[in-house]
Amino acid sequence: MPGSRRKPMHIVVMGVSATGKTSVGELLAEELGCEFVEGDSLHPRRNIEKMEAGTPLTDEDRWPWLQAIADLVAVRDHEGTSTVVTCSALKRKYRDQLRGHAPEVEFLHLHGTREVIARRQASRPGHFMPASLLDSQFATLEALAPDEHGQVVDVDQSIDAIVQAYVEQHDQNDDQQQ
């Protein structure tokens, strides 16, 4: 239709450390034709240093990071560019902050048992997020509420299967809304 422009979509791939946010996000962005943004790249240096030292981030530590992600999504939304962004988004209030800048943002919560995640974390040496912080992340994690736009996908499957499950459900939801 001439003059019409499809509204950009913004997907935040969320979950605790080692759920595969980056791998899933990159493939999902490619599949959907979106810009991929690695949310960790927007952390202030002091946050990275705290995590490298094994110190969990506080809400105060996270606010500037969340604001940077929210600002980036708002700019891309204004430009008409769809994004897939990685962000742990462990608490509802963090997700609310992201939604405050792009109300239509949806969340892909990568979920797994502590055992599955610990096994994945052990297989990625050199990452700034040490295994010692996994328990604090699980303790902080608040599941998506029924009124939050998004899906939960089990990570104990291949990256391709995770992306396919999300895209199929996303397409079904789009069809139902039309």
N, C-alpha and C. Protein backbone atom coordinates (compact mmCIF):
# COMPACT_ATOMS: atom_id res chain seq x y z
N MET A 1 0.85 -1.18 0.00
CA MET A 1 0.00 0.00 0.00
C MET A 1 0.89 1.24 0.00
N PRO A 2 0.75 2.13 -0.98
CA PRO A 2 1.60 3.32 -1.05
C PRO A 2 1.47 4.19 0.19
N GLY A 3 2.59 4.69 0.65
CA GLY A 3 2.59 5.60 1.80
C GLY A 3 2.49 4.91 3.14
N SER A 4 2.20 3.61 3.16
CA SER A 4 2.10 2.93 4.46
C SER A 4 3.47 2.40 4.84
N ARG A 5 3.71 2.37 6.11
CA ARG A 5 4.99 1.90 6.61
C ARG A 5 4.72 0.94 7.75
N ARG A 6 5.28 -0.24 7.67
CA ARG A 6 5.10 -1.20 8.73
C ARG A 6 5.80 -0.70 10.00
N LYS A 7 5.10 -0.78 11.11
CA LYS A 7 5.65 -0.34 12.39
C LYS A 7 6.82 -1.25 12.75
N PRO A 8 7.93 -0.66 13.19
CA PRO A 8 9.07 -1.51 13.57
C PRO A 8 8.74 -2.37 14.79
N MET A 9 9.37 -3.52 14.86
CA MET A 9 9.22 -4.38 16.04
C MET A 9 10.52 -4.38 16.82
N HIS A 10 10.37 -4.57 18.12
CA HIS A 10 11.53 -4.61 18.99
C HIS A 10 11.38 -5.81 19.92
N ILE A 11 12.36 -6.69 19.87
CA ILE A 11 12.34 -7.91 20.67
C ILE A 11 13.54 -7.88 21.59
N VAL A 12 13.29 -8.07 22.87
CA VAL A 12 14.36 -8.18 23.85
C VAL A 12 14.49 -9.65 24.20
N VAL A 13 15.67 -10.22 23.93
CA VAL A 13 15.97 -11.59 24.28
C VAL A 13 16.54 -11.55 25.70
N MET A 14 15.78 -12.13 26.63
CA MET A 14 16.11 -11.98 28.05
C MET A 14 16.35 -13.33 28.71
N GLY A 15 16.95 -13.28 29.89
CA GLY A 15 17.18 -14.46 30.70
C GLY A 15 18.47 -14.31 31.49
N VAL A 16 18.72 -15.28 32.34
CA VAL A 16 19.93 -15.25 33.14
C VAL A 16 21.14 -15.49 32.23
N SER A 17 22.31 -15.30 32.78
CA SER A 17 23.55 -15.51 32.05
C SER A 17 23.61 -16.94 31.51
N ALA A 18 24.15 -17.11 30.32
CA ALA A 18 24.42 -18.41 29.68
C ALA A 18 23.18 -19.10 29.14
N THR A 19 22.10 -18.37 28.94
CA THR A 19 20.92 -18.97 28.32
C THR A 19 21.03 -18.97 26.80
N GLY A 20 22.00 -18.25 26.26
CA GLY A 20 22.18 -18.19 24.82
C GLY A 20 21.58 -16.95 24.20
N LYS A 21 21.47 -15.88 24.98
CA LYS A 21 20.83 -14.66 24.48
C LYS A 21 21.51 -14.14 23.20
N THR A 22 22.82 -14.10 23.19
CA THR A 22 23.53 -13.57 22.02
C THR A 22 23.33 -14.47 20.81
N SER A 23 23.54 -15.76 20.97
CA SER A 23 23.40 -16.69 19.84
C SER A 23 21.98 -16.68 19.29
N VAL A 24 21.00 -16.73 20.18
CA VAL A 24 19.60 -16.70 19.76
C VAL A 24 19.28 -15.34 19.13
N GLY A 25 19.72 -14.27 19.76
CA GLY A 25 19.44 -12.93 19.26
C GLY A 25 19.99 -12.70 17.86
N GLU A 26 21.22 -13.13 17.63
CA GLU A 26 21.83 -12.95 16.30
C GLU A 26 21.05 -13.71 15.24
N LEU A 27 20.70 -14.96 15.53
CA LEU A 27 19.97 -15.76 14.54
C LEU A 27 18.55 -15.22 14.35
N LEU A 28 17.91 -14.81 15.43
CA LEU A 28 16.55 -14.26 15.34
C LEU A 28 16.55 -12.97 14.51
N ALA A 29 17.52 -12.11 14.75
CA ALA A 29 17.61 -10.86 13.98
C ALA A 29 17.80 -11.16 12.50
N GLU A 30 18.64 -12.11 12.20
CA GLU A 30 18.86 -12.50 10.80
C GLU A 30 17.57 -13.05 10.19
N GLU A 31 16.90 -13.90 10.92
CA GLU A 31 15.65 -14.53 10.45
C GLU A 31 14.56 -13.49 10.17
N LEU A 32 14.48 -12.47 11.04
CA LEU A 32 13.41 -11.47 10.92
C LEU A 32 13.83 -10.21 10.16
N GLY A 33 15.11 -10.12 9.79
CA GLY A 33 15.58 -8.94 9.08
C GLY A 33 15.66 -7.71 9.97
N CYS A 34 16.08 -7.91 11.22
CA CYS A 34 16.19 -6.83 12.20
C CYS A 34 17.66 -6.50 12.48
N GLU A 35 17.89 -5.33 13.03
CA GLU A 35 19.22 -4.99 13.53
C GLU A 35 19.44 -5.73 14.85
N PHE A 36 20.61 -6.33 15.02
CA PHE A 36 20.96 -7.00 16.27
C PHE A 36 21.79 -6.06 17.13
N VAL A 37 21.43 -5.98 18.41
CA VAL A 37 22.17 -5.16 19.36
C VAL A 37 22.53 -6.03 20.57
N GLU A 38 23.82 -6.16 20.84
CA GLU A 38 24.31 -6.87 22.01
C GLU A 38 24.21 -5.93 23.20
N GLY A 39 23.22 -6.15 24.05
CA GLY A 39 22.98 -5.26 25.19
C GLY A 39 24.17 -5.13 26.12
N ASP A 40 24.94 -6.20 26.28
CA ASP A 40 26.10 -6.13 27.17
C ASP A 40 27.11 -5.07 26.71
N SER A 41 27.12 -4.78 25.43
CA SER A 41 28.07 -3.78 24.92
C SER A 41 27.73 -2.37 25.41
N LEU A 42 26.55 -2.21 25.98
CA LEU A 42 26.11 -0.90 26.47
C LEU A 42 26.32 -0.73 27.98
N HIS A 43 26.85 -1.77 28.63
CA HIS A 43 27.15 -1.67 30.07
C HIS A 43 28.24 -0.64 30.31
N PRO A 44 28.08 0.18 31.32
CA PRO A 44 29.21 1.04 31.73
C PRO A 44 30.38 0.14 32.18
N ARG A 45 31.57 0.62 31.99
CA ARG A 45 32.77 -0.16 32.34
C ARG A 45 32.74 -0.62 33.81
N ARG A 46 32.25 0.24 34.69
CA ARG A 46 32.23 -0.14 36.12
C ARG A 46 31.33 -1.35 36.37
N ASN A 47 30.27 -1.53 35.58
CA ASN A 47 29.42 -2.71 35.72
C ASN A 47 30.19 -3.97 35.32
N ILE A 48 30.90 -3.90 34.22
CA ILE A 48 31.71 -5.04 33.77
C ILE A 48 32.74 -5.39 34.84
N GLU A 49 33.39 -4.39 35.39
CA GLU A 49 34.41 -4.64 36.42
C GLU A 49 33.79 -5.29 37.65
N LYS A 50 32.61 -4.85 38.06
CA LYS A 50 31.94 -5.47 39.21
C LYS A 50 31.63 -6.94 38.93
N MET A 51 31.09 -7.21 37.75
CA MET A 51 30.74 -8.59 37.42
C MET A 51 31.99 -9.45 37.31
N GLU A 52 33.05 -8.92 36.69
CA GLU A 52 34.30 -9.68 36.60
C GLU A 52 34.84 -10.01 37.98
N ALA A 53 34.59 -9.14 38.95
CA ALA A 53 35.06 -9.37 40.32
C ALA A 53 34.11 -10.29 41.09
N GLY A 54 33.02 -10.72 40.45
CA GLY A 54 32.08 -11.62 41.11
C GLY A 54 31.06 -10.90 41.98
N THR A 55 30.90 -9.60 41.80
CA THR A 55 29.97 -8.81 42.59
C THR A 55 28.68 -8.61 41.80
N PRO A 56 27.54 -9.05 42.35
CA PRO A 56 26.28 -8.86 41.63
C PRO A 56 25.97 -7.37 41.47
N LEU A 57 25.35 -7.03 40.34
CA LEU A 57 24.94 -5.66 40.12
C LEU A 57 23.71 -5.33 40.96
N THR A 58 23.64 -4.10 41.40
CA THR A 58 22.46 -3.61 42.12
C THR A 58 21.53 -2.94 41.11
N ASP A 59 20.33 -2.61 41.58
CA ASP A 59 19.41 -1.86 40.72
C ASP A 59 20.06 -0.54 40.29
N GLU A 60 20.75 0.12 41.21
CA GLU A 60 21.41 1.39 40.88
C GLU A 60 22.44 1.21 39.77
N ASP A 61 23.16 0.08 39.80
CA ASP A 61 24.13 -0.21 38.74
C ASP A 61 23.44 -0.41 37.40
N ARG A 62 22.29 -1.05 37.43
CA ARG A 62 21.61 -1.42 36.19
C ARG A 62 20.87 -0.27 35.51
N TRP A 63 20.42 0.74 36.26
CA TRP A 63 19.59 1.79 35.66
C TRP A 63 20.25 2.49 34.48
N PRO A 64 21.51 2.92 34.57
CA PRO A 64 22.12 3.58 33.39
C PRO A 64 22.21 2.65 32.18
N TRP A 65 22.47 1.39 32.44
CA TRP A 65 22.55 0.39 31.36
C TRP A 65 21.18 0.21 30.71
N LEU A 66 20.16 0.03 31.53
CA LEU A 66 18.81 -0.12 31.00
C LEU A 66 18.37 1.12 30.23
N GLN A 67 18.75 2.29 30.75
CA GLN A 67 18.42 3.54 30.07
C GLN A 67 19.09 3.61 28.71
N ALA A 68 20.34 3.17 28.63
CA ALA A 68 21.05 3.18 27.35
C ALA A 68 20.36 2.25 26.34
N ILE A 69 19.93 1.10 26.79
CA ILE A 69 19.21 0.18 25.90
C ILE A 69 17.89 0.80 25.47
N ALA A 70 17.15 1.34 26.44
CA ALA A 70 15.85 1.95 26.13
C ALA A 70 16.00 3.11 25.16
N ASP A 71 17.02 3.93 25.36
CA ASP A 71 17.26 5.06 24.46
C ASP A 71 17.57 4.58 23.04
N LEU A 72 18.40 3.55 22.94
CA LEU A 72 18.75 3.01 21.63
C LEU A 72 17.50 2.48 20.92
N VAL A 73 16.67 1.73 21.64
CA VAL A 73 15.45 1.18 21.04
C VAL A 73 14.53 2.32 20.61
N ALA A 74 14.41 3.36 21.42
CA ALA A 74 13.55 4.50 21.07
C ALA A 74 14.04 5.19 19.79
N VAL A 75 15.35 5.35 19.67
CA VAL A 75 15.91 5.97 18.46
C VAL A 75 15.63 5.09 17.24
N ARG A 76 15.87 3.79 17.37
CA ARG A 76 15.63 2.88 16.24
C ARG A 76 14.14 2.85 15.89
N ASP A 77 13.27 2.91 16.90
CA ASP A 77 11.84 2.93 16.65
C ASP A 77 11.47 4.18 15.84
N HIS A 78 12.01 5.31 16.25
CA HIS A 78 11.75 6.59 15.56
C HIS A 78 12.25 6.53 14.11
N GLU A 79 13.37 5.84 13.90
CA GLU A 79 13.94 5.70 12.56
C GLU A 79 13.19 4.68 11.70
N GLY A 80 12.32 3.89 12.36
CA GLY A 80 11.61 2.84 11.64
C GLY A 80 12.39 1.56 11.51
N THR A 81 13.41 1.39 12.34
CA THR A 81 14.27 0.21 12.30
C THR A 81 13.88 -0.79 13.38
N SER A 82 13.62 -2.02 12.98
CA SER A 82 13.31 -3.09 13.93
C SER A 82 14.59 -3.62 14.56
N THR A 83 14.49 -4.02 15.83
CA THR A 83 15.68 -4.49 16.55
C THR A 83 15.41 -5.78 17.30
N VAL A 84 16.48 -6.51 17.50
CA VAL A 84 16.54 -7.62 18.45
C VAL A 84 17.68 -7.25 19.38
N VAL A 85 17.38 -7.12 20.66
CA VAL A 85 18.35 -6.66 21.66
C VAL A 85 18.49 -7.71 22.74
N THR A 86 19.72 -7.97 23.16
CA THR A 86 19.91 -8.86 24.30
C THR A 86 19.98 -8.03 25.58
N CYS A 87 19.31 -8.51 26.61
CA CYS A 87 19.30 -7.83 27.91
C CYS A 87 18.74 -8.82 28.91
N SER A 88 19.41 -9.02 30.02
CA SER A 88 18.92 -9.99 31.00
C SER A 88 17.50 -9.67 31.44
N ALA A 89 17.15 -8.39 31.61
CA ALA A 89 15.78 -7.95 31.96
C ALA A 89 15.17 -8.84 33.04
N LEU A 90 15.93 -9.06 34.10
CA LEU A 90 15.53 -10.03 35.11
C LEU A 90 14.29 -9.64 35.93
N LYS A 91 14.08 -8.36 36.12
CA LYS A 91 12.96 -7.91 36.95
C LYS A 91 11.90 -7.21 36.10
N ARG A 92 10.67 -7.29 36.58
CA ARG A 92 9.56 -6.62 35.89
C ARG A 92 9.86 -5.12 35.75
N LYS A 93 10.39 -4.50 36.80
CA LYS A 93 10.62 -3.06 36.71
C LYS A 93 11.67 -2.71 35.65
N TYR A 94 12.60 -3.62 35.38
CA TYR A 94 13.57 -3.39 34.30
C TYR A 94 12.85 -3.44 32.95
N ARG A 95 11.99 -4.43 32.80
CA ARG A 95 11.23 -4.56 31.55
C ARG A 95 10.29 -3.37 31.38
N ASP A 96 9.72 -2.90 32.49
CA ASP A 96 8.85 -1.71 32.41
C ASP A 96 9.63 -0.50 31.91
N GLN A 97 10.88 -0.36 32.35
CA GLN A 97 11.69 0.76 31.88
C GLN A 97 11.92 0.66 30.37
N LEU A 98 12.19 -0.53 29.89
CA LEU A 98 12.39 -0.72 28.45
C LEU A 98 11.10 -0.44 27.69
N ARG A 99 9.98 -0.89 28.21
CA ARG A 99 8.68 -0.65 27.57
C ARG A 99 8.32 0.83 27.58
N GLY A 100 8.83 1.58 28.55
CA GLY A 100 8.53 3.00 28.64
C GLY A 100 9.00 3.78 27.43
N HIS A 101 9.98 3.25 26.73
CA HIS A 101 10.53 3.92 25.54
C HIS A 101 10.03 3.32 24.24
N ALA A 102 9.57 2.11 24.30
CA ALA A 102 9.01 1.43 23.13
C ALA A 102 7.91 0.51 23.64
N PRO A 103 6.71 1.04 23.81
CA PRO A 103 5.62 0.29 24.46
C PRO A 103 5.31 -1.06 23.83
N GLU A 104 5.59 -1.21 22.55
CA GLU A 104 5.27 -2.46 21.86
C GLU A 104 6.38 -3.50 21.96
N VAL A 105 7.44 -3.21 22.72
CA VAL A 105 8.53 -4.17 22.82
C VAL A 105 7.98 -5.50 23.34
N GLU A 106 8.52 -6.58 22.77
CA GLU A 106 8.13 -7.90 23.25
C GLU A 106 9.38 -8.61 23.76
N PHE A 107 9.16 -9.59 24.62
CA PHE A 107 10.26 -10.27 25.28
C PHE A 107 10.27 -11.74 24.90
N LEU A 108 11.46 -12.23 24.63
CA LEU A 108 11.70 -13.66 24.43
C LEU A 108 12.52 -14.09 25.64
N HIS A 109 11.85 -14.74 26.58
CA HIS A 109 12.51 -15.18 27.81
C HIS A 109 13.09 -16.57 27.57
N LEU A 110 14.41 -16.65 27.55
CA LEU A 110 15.10 -17.92 27.42
C LEU A 110 15.21 -18.52 28.81
N HIS A 111 14.54 -19.63 28.99
CA HIS A 111 14.41 -20.24 30.31
C HIS A 111 15.06 -21.62 30.33
N GLY A 112 15.69 -21.94 31.44
CA GLY A 112 16.26 -23.27 31.61
C GLY A 112 16.46 -23.56 33.08
N THR A 113 16.64 -24.81 33.40
CA THR A 113 16.90 -25.19 34.79
C THR A 113 18.29 -24.71 35.19
N ARG A 114 18.52 -24.64 36.47
CA ARG A 114 19.83 -24.22 36.96
C ARG A 114 20.91 -25.17 36.44
N GLU A 115 20.61 -26.46 36.39
CA GLU A 115 21.59 -27.46 35.93
C GLU A 115 21.97 -27.23 34.46
N VAL A 116 20.97 -27.00 33.62
CA VAL A 116 21.24 -26.76 32.20
C VAL A 116 22.06 -25.48 32.02
N ILE A 117 21.68 -24.44 32.73
CA ILE A 117 22.38 -23.16 32.59
C ILE A 117 23.81 -23.26 33.12
N ALA A 118 23.99 -23.94 34.25
CA ALA A 118 25.34 -24.10 34.82
C ALA A 118 26.24 -24.86 33.84
N ARG A 119 25.68 -25.88 33.19
CA ARG A 119 26.45 -26.64 32.20
C ARG A 119 26.85 -25.74 31.04
N ARG A 120 25.94 -24.90 30.57
CA ARG A 120 26.24 -23.98 29.48
C ARG A 120 27.29 -22.97 29.91
N GLN A 121 27.15 -22.46 31.13
CA GLN A 121 28.07 -21.45 31.61
C GLN A 121 29.49 -22.01 31.72
N ALA A 122 29.60 -23.26 32.14
CA ALA A 122 30.92 -23.89 32.27
C ALA A 122 31.61 -24.05 30.92
N SER A 123 30.81 -24.06 29.84
CA SER A 123 31.39 -24.28 28.51
C SER A 123 31.80 -22.98 27.82
N ARG A 124 31.74 -21.84 28.53
CA ARG A 124 32.14 -20.57 27.91
C ARG A 124 33.16 -19.84 28.76
N PRO A 125 34.38 -20.35 28.76
CA PRO A 125 35.44 -19.72 29.55
C PRO A 125 35.77 -18.33 29.02
N GLY A 126 36.18 -17.47 29.94
CA GLY A 126 36.61 -16.14 29.54
C GLY A 126 35.51 -15.11 29.50
N HIS A 127 34.27 -15.51 29.71
CA HIS A 127 33.18 -14.52 29.72
C HIS A 127 33.27 -13.71 31.00
N PHE A 128 32.91 -12.41 30.92
CA PHE A 128 33.06 -11.54 32.09
C PHE A 128 32.12 -11.92 33.23
N MET A 129 31.07 -12.68 32.97
CA MET A 129 30.10 -13.05 33.99
C MET A 129 30.51 -14.39 34.60
N PRO A 130 31.06 -14.37 35.81
CA PRO A 130 31.52 -15.63 36.40
C PRO A 130 30.36 -16.51 36.86
N ALA A 131 30.61 -17.81 36.91
CA ALA A 131 29.59 -18.78 37.33
C ALA A 131 29.08 -18.48 38.73
N SER A 132 29.90 -17.84 39.55
CA SER A 132 29.49 -17.55 40.93
C SER A 132 28.28 -16.61 41.01
N LEU A 133 27.99 -15.90 39.93
CA LEU A 133 26.85 -14.97 39.95
C LEU A 133 25.55 -15.60 39.45
N LEU A 134 25.60 -16.85 39.01
CA LEU A 134 24.40 -17.49 38.47
C LEU A 134 23.28 -17.57 39.51
N ASP A 135 23.61 -17.96 40.74
CA ASP A 135 22.58 -18.07 41.77
C ASP A 135 21.92 -16.72 42.04
N SER A 136 22.71 -15.64 42.05
CA SER A 136 22.12 -14.31 42.29
C SER A 136 21.18 -13.93 41.14
N GLN A 137 21.52 -14.36 39.93
CA GLN A 137 20.64 -14.05 38.80
C GLN A 137 19.32 -14.82 38.91
N PHE A 138 19.40 -16.10 39.25
CA PHE A 138 18.17 -16.87 39.44
C PHE A 138 17.33 -16.29 40.58
N ALA A 139 17.98 -15.83 41.63
CA ALA A 139 17.25 -15.24 42.76
C ALA A 139 16.57 -13.93 42.35
N THR A 140 17.16 -13.20 41.44
CA THR A 140 16.62 -11.91 40.99
C THR A 140 15.53 -12.07 39.94
N LEU A 141 15.59 -13.13 39.15
CA LEU A 141 14.70 -13.32 38.01
C LEU A 141 13.22 -13.33 38.41
N GLU A 142 12.45 -12.48 37.74
CA GLU A 142 11.00 -12.48 37.86
C GLU A 142 10.44 -12.89 36.50
N ALA A 143 9.66 -13.96 36.49
CA ALA A 143 9.10 -14.46 35.24
C ALA A 143 8.20 -13.43 34.58
N LEU A 144 8.05 -13.54 33.28
CA LEU A 144 7.11 -12.68 32.57
C LEU A 144 5.72 -12.85 33.17
N ALA A 145 5.05 -11.76 33.42
CA ALA A 145 3.68 -11.79 33.94
C ALA A 145 2.72 -11.96 32.77
N PRO A 146 1.52 -12.45 33.03
CA PRO A 146 0.55 -12.65 31.94
C PRO A 146 0.25 -11.39 31.13
N ASP A 147 0.39 -10.21 31.72
CA ASP A 147 0.11 -8.98 30.98
C ASP A 147 1.33 -8.44 30.22
N GLU A 148 2.45 -9.16 30.26
CA GLU A 148 3.64 -8.74 29.52
C GLU A 148 3.67 -9.44 28.17
N HIS A 149 3.92 -8.67 27.13
CA HIS A 149 3.95 -9.18 25.77
C HIS A 149 5.24 -9.98 25.57
N GLY A 150 5.11 -11.28 25.38
CA GLY A 150 6.30 -12.08 25.16
C GLY A 150 6.03 -13.56 25.26
N GLN A 151 7.10 -14.32 25.14
CA GLN A 151 7.03 -15.78 25.22
C GLN A 151 8.20 -16.32 26.02
N VAL A 152 7.99 -17.48 26.59
CA VAL A 152 9.04 -18.20 27.30
C VAL A 152 9.38 -19.42 26.45
N VAL A 153 10.67 -19.62 26.19
CA VAL A 153 11.12 -20.77 25.41
C VAL A 153 12.21 -21.48 26.19
N ASP A 154 12.10 -22.80 26.28
CA ASP A 154 13.07 -23.64 26.98
C ASP A 154 14.37 -23.68 26.18
N VAL A 155 15.50 -23.46 26.86
CA VAL A 155 16.79 -23.42 26.17
C VAL A 155 17.45 -24.79 26.02
N ASP A 156 16.83 -25.82 26.53
CA ASP A 156 17.43 -27.15 26.44
C ASP A 156 17.09 -27.77 25.08
N GLN A 157 17.43 -27.04 24.04
CA GLN A 157 17.24 -27.47 22.65
C GLN A 157 18.20 -26.64 21.79
N SER A 158 18.24 -26.94 20.52
CA SER A 158 19.18 -26.23 19.65
C SER A 158 18.76 -24.77 19.47
N ILE A 159 19.73 -23.93 19.11
CA ILE A 159 19.47 -22.52 18.84
C ILE A 159 18.44 -22.40 17.71
N ASP A 160 18.60 -23.20 16.67
CA ASP A 160 17.65 -23.17 15.56
C ASP A 160 16.23 -23.49 16.03
N ALA A 161 16.09 -24.48 16.90
CA ALA A 161 14.77 -24.86 17.41
C ALA A 161 14.17 -23.75 18.27
N ILE A 162 14.99 -23.08 19.06
CA ILE A 162 14.52 -21.97 19.89
C ILE A 162 13.98 -20.84 19.00
N VAL A 163 14.76 -20.47 17.99
CA VAL A 163 14.35 -19.39 17.09
C VAL A 163 13.10 -19.79 16.33
N GLN A 164 13.06 -21.01 15.83
CA GLN A 164 11.89 -21.48 15.09
C GLN A 164 10.64 -21.46 15.97
N ALA A 165 10.76 -21.90 17.22
CA ALA A 165 9.61 -21.89 18.14
C ALA A 165 9.10 -20.48 18.36
N TYR A 166 10.03 -19.53 18.54
CA TYR A 166 9.63 -18.15 18.75
C TYR A 166 8.96 -17.57 17.51
N VAL A 167 9.57 -17.76 16.34
CA VAL A 167 9.04 -17.18 15.11
C VAL A 167 7.66 -17.75 14.80
N GLU A 168 7.47 -19.06 14.97
CA GLU A 168 6.17 -19.66 14.72
C GLU A 168 5.10 -19.07 15.64
N GLN A 169 5.40 -18.94 16.92
CA GLN A 169 4.43 -18.37 17.86
C GLN A 169 4.20 -16.89 17.55
N HIS A 170 5.24 -16.17 17.20
CA HIS A 170 5.14 -14.75 16.84
C HIS A 170 4.21 -14.59 15.64
N ASP A 171 4.41 -15.44 14.61
CA ASP A 171 3.57 -15.39 13.41
C ASP A 171 2.11 -15.71 13.73
N GLN A 172 1.90 -16.70 14.60
CA GLN A 172 0.52 -17.04 15.02
C GLN A 172 -0.13 -15.85 15.73
N ASN A 173 0.61 -15.21 16.62
CA ASN A 173 0.07 -14.06 17.34
C ASN A 173 -0.26 -12.92 16.38
N ASP A 174 0.61 -12.69 15.37
CA ASP A 174 0.34 -11.66 14.36
C ASP A 174 -0.93 -11.97 13.59
N ASP A 175 -1.08 -13.24 13.20
CA ASP A 175 -2.27 -13.65 12.45
C ASP A 175 -3.54 -13.42 13.27
N GLN A 176 -3.49 -13.72 14.56
CA GLN A 176 -4.66 -13.57 15.42
C GLN A 176 -5.01 -12.11 15.63
N GLN A 177 -4.02 -11.22 15.59
CA GLN A 177 -4.28 -9.80 15.81
C GLN A 177 -4.80 -9.10 14.57
N GLN A 178 -4.68 -9.74 13.41
CA GLN A 178 -5.15 -9.10 12.17
C GLN A 178 -6.60 -9.40 11.90
